[in-house]
C-alpha atoms as a PDB file:
ATOM      1  CA  MET A   1      91.565  82.997  72.731  1.00  0.00           C
ATOM      2  CA  ARG A   2      93.216  80.061  70.976  1.00  0.00           C
ATOM      3  CA  ARG A   3      96.439  80.714  69.090  1.00  0.00           C
ATOM      4  CA  ALA A   4      94.758  79.939  65.753  1.00  0.00           C
ATOM      5  CA  ASP A   5      92.187  82.666  66.404  1.00  0.00           C
ATOM      6  CA  MET A   6      94.873  85.212  67.192  1.00  0.00           C
ATOM      7  CA  SER A   7      96.262  85.126  63.636  1.00  0.00           C
ATOM      8  CA  LYS A   8      93.409  87.283  62.326  1.00  0.00           C
ATOM      9  CA  HIS A   9      94.253  90.099  64.786  1.00  0.00           C
ATOM     10  CA  THR A  10      97.265  92.376  65.015  1.00  0.00           C
ATOM     11  CA  ASN A  11      99.169  92.306  68.279  1.00  0.00           C
ATOM     12  CA  ALA A  12      97.876  95.824  69.089  1.00  0.00           C
ATOM     13  CA  GLU A  13      94.283  94.847  68.333  1.00  0.00           C
ATOM     14  CA  PHE A  14      94.623  91.678  70.400  1.00  0.00           C
ATOM     15  CA  GLN A  15      96.044  93.552  73.408  1.00  0.00           C
ATOM     16  CA  ILE A  16      93.444  96.347  73.206  1.00  0.00           C
ATOM     17  CA  ASN A  17      90.661  93.738  73.104  1.00  0.00           C
ATOM     18  CA  GLU A  18      92.195  91.985  76.121  1.00  0.00           C
ATOM     19  CA  TRP A  19      92.423  95.235  78.115  1.00  0.00           C
ATOM     20  CA  PHE A  20      88.921  96.374  77.159  1.00  0.00           C
ATOM     21  CA  ASN A  21      87.389  92.947  77.857  1.00  0.00           C
ATOM     22  CA  ASN A  22      88.985  92.848  81.312  1.00  0.00           C
ATOM     23  CA  THR A  23      88.388  96.364  82.647  1.00  0.00           C
ATOM     24  CA  PRO A  24      87.411  96.433  86.319  1.00  0.00           C
ATOM     25  CA  GLU A  25      84.907  99.265  85.700  1.00  0.00           C
ATOM     26  CA  ALA A  26      82.179  99.842  83.115  1.00  0.00           C
ATOM     27  CA  ILE A  27      83.347 100.552  79.588  1.00  0.00           C
ATOM     28  CA  GLU A  28      81.310 101.873  76.677  1.00  0.00           C
ATOM     29  CA  LEU A  29      82.437 101.042  73.133  1.00  0.00           C
ATOM     30  CA  GLU A  30      81.020 102.023  69.780  1.00  0.00           C
ATOM     31  CA  ARG A  31      82.762 100.162  66.984  1.00  0.00           C
ATOM     32  CA  ASN A  32      82.891 101.629  63.509  1.00  0.00           C
ATOM     33  CA  THR A  33      80.826  99.737  60.957  1.00  0.00           C
ATOM     34  CA  LYS A  34      83.870  99.882  58.654  1.00  0.00           C
ATOM     35  CA  ARG A  35      87.493 100.800  59.211  1.00  0.00           C
ATOM     36  CA  ASP A  36      87.997 104.598  59.370  1.00  0.00           C
ATOM     37  CA  SER A  37      90.778 104.860  56.800  1.00  0.00           C
ATOM     38  CA  TYR A  38      90.178 108.628  56.332  1.00  0.00           C
ATOM     39  CA  SER A  39      91.152 109.435  59.940  1.00  0.00           C
ATOM     40  CA  MET A  40      94.012 106.935  59.865  1.00  0.00           C
ATOM     41  CA  THR A  41      95.406 108.576  56.719  1.00  0.00           C
ATOM     42  CA  LYS A  42      95.070 112.098  58.192  1.00  0.00           C
ATOM     43  CA  LEU A  43      96.999 110.975  61.283  1.00  0.00           C
ATOM     44  CA  HIS A  44      99.568 108.952  59.309  1.00  0.00           C
ATOM     45  CA  VAL A  45      98.843 105.839  61.411  1.00  0.00           C
ATOM     46  CA  HIS A  46      98.424 102.296  60.159  1.00  0.00           C
ATOM     47  CA  ASP A  47      96.862  98.959  60.966  1.00  0.00           C
ATOM     48  CA  GLY A  48      98.723  97.336  63.794  1.00  0.00           C
ATOM     49  CA  SER A  49      99.631 100.511  65.666  1.00  0.00           C
ATOM     50  CA  TYR A  50      97.754 101.118  68.904  1.00  0.00           C
ATOM     51  CA  LEU A  51      96.525 104.555  67.812  1.00  0.00           C
ATOM     52  CA  GLY A  52      95.636 103.161  64.392  1.00  0.00           C
ATOM     53  CA  GLU A  53      93.551 100.416  65.974  1.00  0.00           C
ATOM     54  CA  ILE A  54      91.616 102.850  68.189  1.00  0.00           C
ATOM     55  CA  VAL A  55      91.066 105.390  65.405  1.00  0.00           C
ATOM     56  CA  GLY A  56      90.311 102.795  62.745  1.00  0.00           C
ATOM     57  CA  ASN A  57      87.958 100.625  64.775  1.00  0.00           C
ATOM     58  CA  TYR A  58      86.106 102.868  67.242  1.00  0.00           C
ATOM     59  CA  SER A  59      83.922 105.968  67.152  1.00  0.00           C
ATOM     60  CA  LYS A  60      83.512 106.110  70.946  1.00  0.00           C
ATOM     61  CA  VAL A  61      85.339 104.684  73.953  1.00  0.00           C
ATOM     62  CA  THR A  62      84.670 105.650  77.560  1.00  0.00           C
ATOM     63  CA  LEU A  63      86.440 103.918  80.424  1.00  0.00           C
ATOM     64  CA  CYS A  64      86.207 103.724  84.207  1.00  0.00           C
ATOM     65  CA  ALA A  65      82.420 104.124  84.347  1.00  0.00           C
ATOM     66  CA  GLY A  66      82.492 107.041  81.891  1.00  0.00           C
ATOM     67  CA  TYR A  67      85.212 109.019  83.679  1.00  0.00           C
ATOM     68  CA  PHE A  68      87.744 108.856  80.799  1.00  0.00           C
ATOM     69  CA  GLY A  69      86.983 109.375  77.120  1.00  0.00           C
ATOM     70  CA  LEU A  70      89.318 108.423  74.289  1.00  0.00           C
ATOM     71  CA  LEU A  71      89.383 110.376  71.058  1.00  0.00           C
ATOM     72  CA  CYS A  72      88.658 107.951  68.236  1.00  0.00           C
ATOM     73  CA  GLY A  73      87.783 107.900  64.551  1.00  0.00           C
ATOM     74  CA  MET A  74      84.775 109.596  62.985  1.00  0.00           C
ATOM     75  CA  GLY A  75      82.003 110.621  65.357  1.00  0.00           C
ATOM     76  CA  GLU A  76      81.440 112.820  68.365  1.00  0.00           C
ATOM     77  CA  ASN A  77      84.955 112.172  69.714  1.00  0.00           C
ATOM     78  CA  SER A  78      86.783 112.452  66.371  1.00  0.00           C
ATOM     79  CA  ILE A  79      90.508 112.842  66.982  1.00  0.00           C
ATOM     80  CA  VAL A  80      90.863 114.500  63.553  1.00  0.00           C
ATOM     81  CA  ASP A  81      88.089 117.054  64.054  1.00  0.00           C
ATOM     82  CA  ILE A  82      88.803 117.909  67.684  1.00  0.00           C
ATOM     83  CA  ASN A  83      92.541 118.395  67.098  1.00  0.00           C
ATOM     84  CA  ALA A  84      91.931 120.457  63.921  1.00  0.00           C
ATOM     85  CA  LEU A  85      94.641 118.579  62.041  1.00  0.00           C
ATOM     86  CA  ASN A  86      96.397 120.476  59.273  1.00  0.00           C
ATOM     87  CA  LYS A  87      97.267 118.961  55.876  1.00  0.00           C
ATOM     88  CA  ASN A  88     100.422 117.409  57.384  1.00  0.00           C
ATOM     89  CA  GLY A  89      98.453 115.687  60.135  1.00  0.00           C
ATOM     90  CA  MET A  90      99.731 118.055  62.828  1.00  0.00           C
ATOM     91  CA  PRO A  91      97.372 119.317  65.547  1.00  0.00           C
ATOM     92  CA  GLU A  92      96.433 122.985  65.444  1.00  0.00           C
ATOM     93  CA  LEU A  93      94.123 123.090  68.481  1.00  0.00           C
ATOM     94  CA  PHE A  94      97.072 122.644  70.869  1.00  0.00           C
ATOM     95  CA  PRO A  95     100.187 123.045  68.687  1.00  0.00           C
ATOM     96  CA  GLY A  96     102.660 120.258  69.370  1.00  0.00           C
ATOM     97  CA  ALA A  97     100.168 118.131  71.305  1.00  0.00           C
ATOM     98  CA  LEU A  98      97.739 115.647  69.758  1.00  0.00           C
ATOM     99  CA  ILE A  99      94.831 115.309  72.211  1.00  0.00           C
ATOM    100  CA  ILE A 100      94.088 111.598  72.712  1.00  0.00           C
ATOM    101  CA  ALA A 101      91.899 111.532  75.829  1.00  0.00           C
ATOM    102  CA  TYR A 102      90.222 113.563  78.525  1.00  0.00           C
ATOM    103  CA  ASP A 103      88.575 113.030  81.849  1.00  0.00           C
ATOM    104  CA  MET A 104      85.257 114.373  83.044  1.00  0.00           C
ATOM    105  CA  ASN A 105      86.989 116.996  85.227  1.00  0.00           C
ATOM    106  CA  GLY A 106      88.617 118.643  82.187  1.00  0.00           C
ATOM    107  CA  ASN A 107      92.114 117.193  82.453  1.00  0.00           C
ATOM    108  CA  ILE A 108      93.612 116.444  79.041  1.00  0.00           C
ATOM    109  CA  PHE A 109      95.983 113.762  77.747  1.00  0.00           C
ATOM    110  CA  ALA A 110      97.995 114.200  74.525  1.00  0.00           C
ATOM    111  CA  LEU A 111     100.807 112.710  72.476  1.00  0.00           C
ATOM    112  CA  ASN A 112     103.812 115.001  72.422  1.00  0.00           C
ATOM    113  CA  SER A 113     104.878 116.359  69.043  1.00  0.00           C
ATOM    114  CA  GLY A 114     106.810 119.338  70.407  1.00  0.00           C
ATOM    115  CA  ALA A 115     104.616 120.920  73.096  1.00  0.00           C
ATOM    116  CA  CYS A 116     106.818 119.653  75.938  1.00  0.00           C
ATOM    117  CA  LYS A 117     110.578 119.882  75.417  1.00  0.00           C
ATOM    118  CA  GLU A 118     111.261 117.623  78.432  1.00  0.00           C
ATOM    119  CA  ALA A 119     109.257 114.714  76.969  1.00  0.00           C
ATOM    120  CA  GLY A 120     110.144 112.528  74.034  1.00  0.00           C
ATOM    121  CA  VAL A 121     108.124 112.764  70.856  1.00  0.00           C
ATOM    122  CA  GLY A 122     105.161 110.397  71.025  1.00  0.00           C
ATOM    123  CA  ARG A 123     105.108 110.270  74.831  1.00  0.00           C
ATOM    124  CA  VAL A 124     101.840 110.893  76.667  1.00  0.00           C
ATOM    125  CA  LEU A 125     101.450 114.319  78.236  1.00  0.00           C
ATOM    126  CA  TYR A 126      98.991 115.471  80.882  1.00  0.00           C
ATOM    127  CA  LEU A 127      97.484 118.961  81.065  1.00  0.00           C
ATOM    128  CA  PRO A 128      95.598 119.570  84.322  1.00  0.00           C
ATOM    129  CA  LYS A 129      92.421 121.609  84.090  1.00  0.00           C
ATOM    130  CA  GLU A 130      93.850 124.478  86.138  1.00  0.00           C
ATOM    131  CA  SER A 131      97.243 124.614  84.373  1.00  0.00           C
ATOM    132  CA  PHE A 132      98.862 125.569  81.073  1.00  0.00           C
ATOM    133  CA  ALA A 133     101.993 123.461  81.609  1.00  0.00           C
ATOM    134  CA  TRP A 134     102.161 119.996  80.090  1.00  0.00           C
ATOM    135  CA  GLU A 135     103.441 117.222  82.348  1.00  0.00           C
ATOM    136  CA  ASP A 136     105.280 114.172  81.008  1.00  0.00           C
ATOM    137  CA  LEU A 137     103.573 110.953  82.151  1.00  0.00           C
ATOM    138  CA  ASP A 138     106.512 108.972  80.711  1.00  0.00           C
ATOM    139  CA  LEU A 139     104.110 106.555  79.018  1.00  0.00           C
ATOM    140  CA  SER A 140     103.738 105.400  75.438  1.00  0.00           C
ATOM    141  CA  TYR A 141     100.231 105.348  73.941  1.00  0.00           C
ATOM    142  CA  ALA A 142     100.022 101.566  74.487  1.00  0.00           C
ATOM    143  CA  GLN A 143     101.073 101.935  78.140  1.00  0.00           C
ATOM    144  CA  PHE A 144      98.497 104.711  78.573  1.00  0.00           C
ATOM    145  CA  LEU A 145      95.698 102.495  77.164  1.00  0.00           C
ATOM    146  CA  LYS A 146      96.682  99.662  79.474  1.00  0.00           C
ATOM    147  CA  TRP A 147      96.837 102.027  82.475  1.00  0.00           C
ATOM    148  CA  ILE A 148      93.416 103.636  82.004  1.00  0.00           C
ATOM    149  CA  SER A 149      91.832 100.286  81.136  1.00  0.00           C
ATOM    150  CA  GLY A 150      92.908  98.906  84.502  1.00  0.00           C
ATOM    151  CA  LEU A 151      91.896 101.803  86.763  1.00  0.00           C
ATOM    152  CA  THR A 152      89.060 101.568  89.239  1.00  0.00           C
ATOM    153  CA  GLU A 153      86.866 104.414  90.431  1.00  0.00           C
ATOM    154  CA  ASN A 154      88.154 103.835  93.971  1.00  0.00           C
ATOM    155  CA  GLU A 155      91.773 104.277  92.780  1.00  0.00           C
ATOM    156  CA  LEU A 156      90.808 107.555  91.118  1.00  0.00           C
ATOM    157  CA  ILE A 157      89.298 108.829  94.375  1.00  0.00           C
ATOM    158  CA  ILE A 158      92.178 107.620  96.594  1.00  0.00           C
ATOM    159  CA  ASN A 159      94.770 109.247  94.308  1.00  0.00           C
ATOM    160  CA  GLY A 160      92.876 112.536  94.124  1.00  0.00           C
ATOM    161  CA  TRP A 161      91.945 112.287  90.439  1.00  0.00           C
ATOM    162  CA  LYS A 162      88.226 112.215  91.058  1.00  0.00           C
ATOM    163  CA  PRO A 163      86.259 113.768  93.886  1.00  0.00           C
ATOM    164  CA  ASP A 164      84.174 111.193  95.684  1.00  0.00           C
ATOM    165  CA  ASP A 165      81.103 113.408  95.379  1.00  0.00           C
ATOM    166  CA  GLY A 166      79.955 116.863  94.387  1.00  0.00           C
ATOM    167  CA  TYR A 167      81.721 117.276  91.058  1.00  0.00           C
ATOM    168  CA  THR A 168      80.017 118.372  87.861  1.00  0.00           C
ATOM    169  CA  PRO A 169      81.334 116.552  84.790  1.00  0.00           C
ATOM    170  CA  ILE A 170      82.025 118.505  81.627  1.00  0.00           C
ATOM    171  CA  SER A 171      79.000 118.086  79.384  1.00  0.00           C
ATOM    172  CA  ASN A 172      80.477 119.110  76.001  1.00  0.00           C
ATOM    173  CA  ILE A 173      84.132 118.196  75.661  1.00  0.00           C
ATOM    174  CA  SER A 174      84.523 119.862  72.233  1.00  0.00           C
ATOM    175  CA  GLU A 175      83.370 123.236  73.557  1.00  0.00           C
ATOM    176  CA  TYR A 176      85.520 122.849  76.654  1.00  0.00           C
ATOM    177  CA  LEU A 177      88.628 122.029  74.596  1.00  0.00           C
ATOM    178  CA  LEU A 178      88.071 125.016  72.290  1.00  0.00           C
ATOM    179  CA  GLY A 179      87.913 127.340  75.307  1.00  0.00           C
ATOM    180  CA  LYS A 180      90.924 125.710  76.990  1.00  0.00           C
ATOM    181  CA  ALA A 181      92.919 125.901  73.739  1.00  0.00           C
ATOM    182  CA  ALA A 182      92.106 129.592  73.270  1.00  0.00           C
ATOM    183  CA  ALA A 183      93.282 130.376  76.816  1.00  0.00           C
ATOM    184  CA  TYR A 184      96.347 128.119  76.381  1.00  0.00           C
ATOM    185  CA  ASN A 185      97.383 129.756  73.105  1.00  0.00           C
ATOM    186  CA  MET A 186      96.899 133.233  74.611  1.00  0.00           C
ATOM    187  CA  PHE A 187      99.094 132.172  77.537  1.00  0.00           C
ATOM    188  CA  LEU A 188     101.813 131.008  75.111  1.00  0.00           C
ATOM    189  CA  ARG A 189     101.697 134.300  73.161  1.00  0.00           C
ATOM    190  CA  GLN A 190     101.990 136.334  76.362  1.00  0.00           C
ATOM    191  CA  ARG A 191     105.001 134.287  77.479  1.00  0.00           C
ATOM    192  CA  GLY A 192     106.692 135.167  74.216  1.00  0.00           C
END
C-alpha cells in the first residue's frame, strides 16, 4: 500500500488488514455494511483502537481454517450479546473477563477486567475447556490478533492445541459459553 493510501486508515485498521491479508491459513471475514457504533459505544471503544476496529468493521471473523473465531460487532458472534454487557459496558457472562475469541475445542480467550488478579487489566486471558482458572497469556489485544493471524494448522497440532484428527468442533458457541459460564460462576460461588 502506498503511503498516500494509508492516510485514510487508522494504524490499527492498517495493521489488522495487513495481518488478515497475509494469514497462512484460510480466513473468513464478514464486514459490516456500516460501522457498528452501537457495539462500540456499549464497549466504550473508539475508532483507531484494535478492538474498536474489529467490533466496528466486522460481524464475523474466523481464522486458521475456521479453528479460531473472534467476537465482533452485531451478528452471530456479537461481543455485546455474548458477553451480556451491563449498562457500564462490563461483562456479566464471565464477570471480570470480556470474551474476545474462542477455538473450536471450547477454549476461551478474554480481556482481563478483574477476573485474574495476576494479569494486568486489558491483558489477554486464556480459559482452557477443562478448567475454571484463567491463565495470563501476557499479550495485549493487538498482539493476540497478530499471533492468531499468523498461526498455521500444523503449529496448532505440534503444540497440542488441536488434535490432528478425531475431534468434534463445538457447533453452537453461544450455547457452549452459557453452559461454561454457569459452571464457572457456580465454581466461584463454591470457592467463596
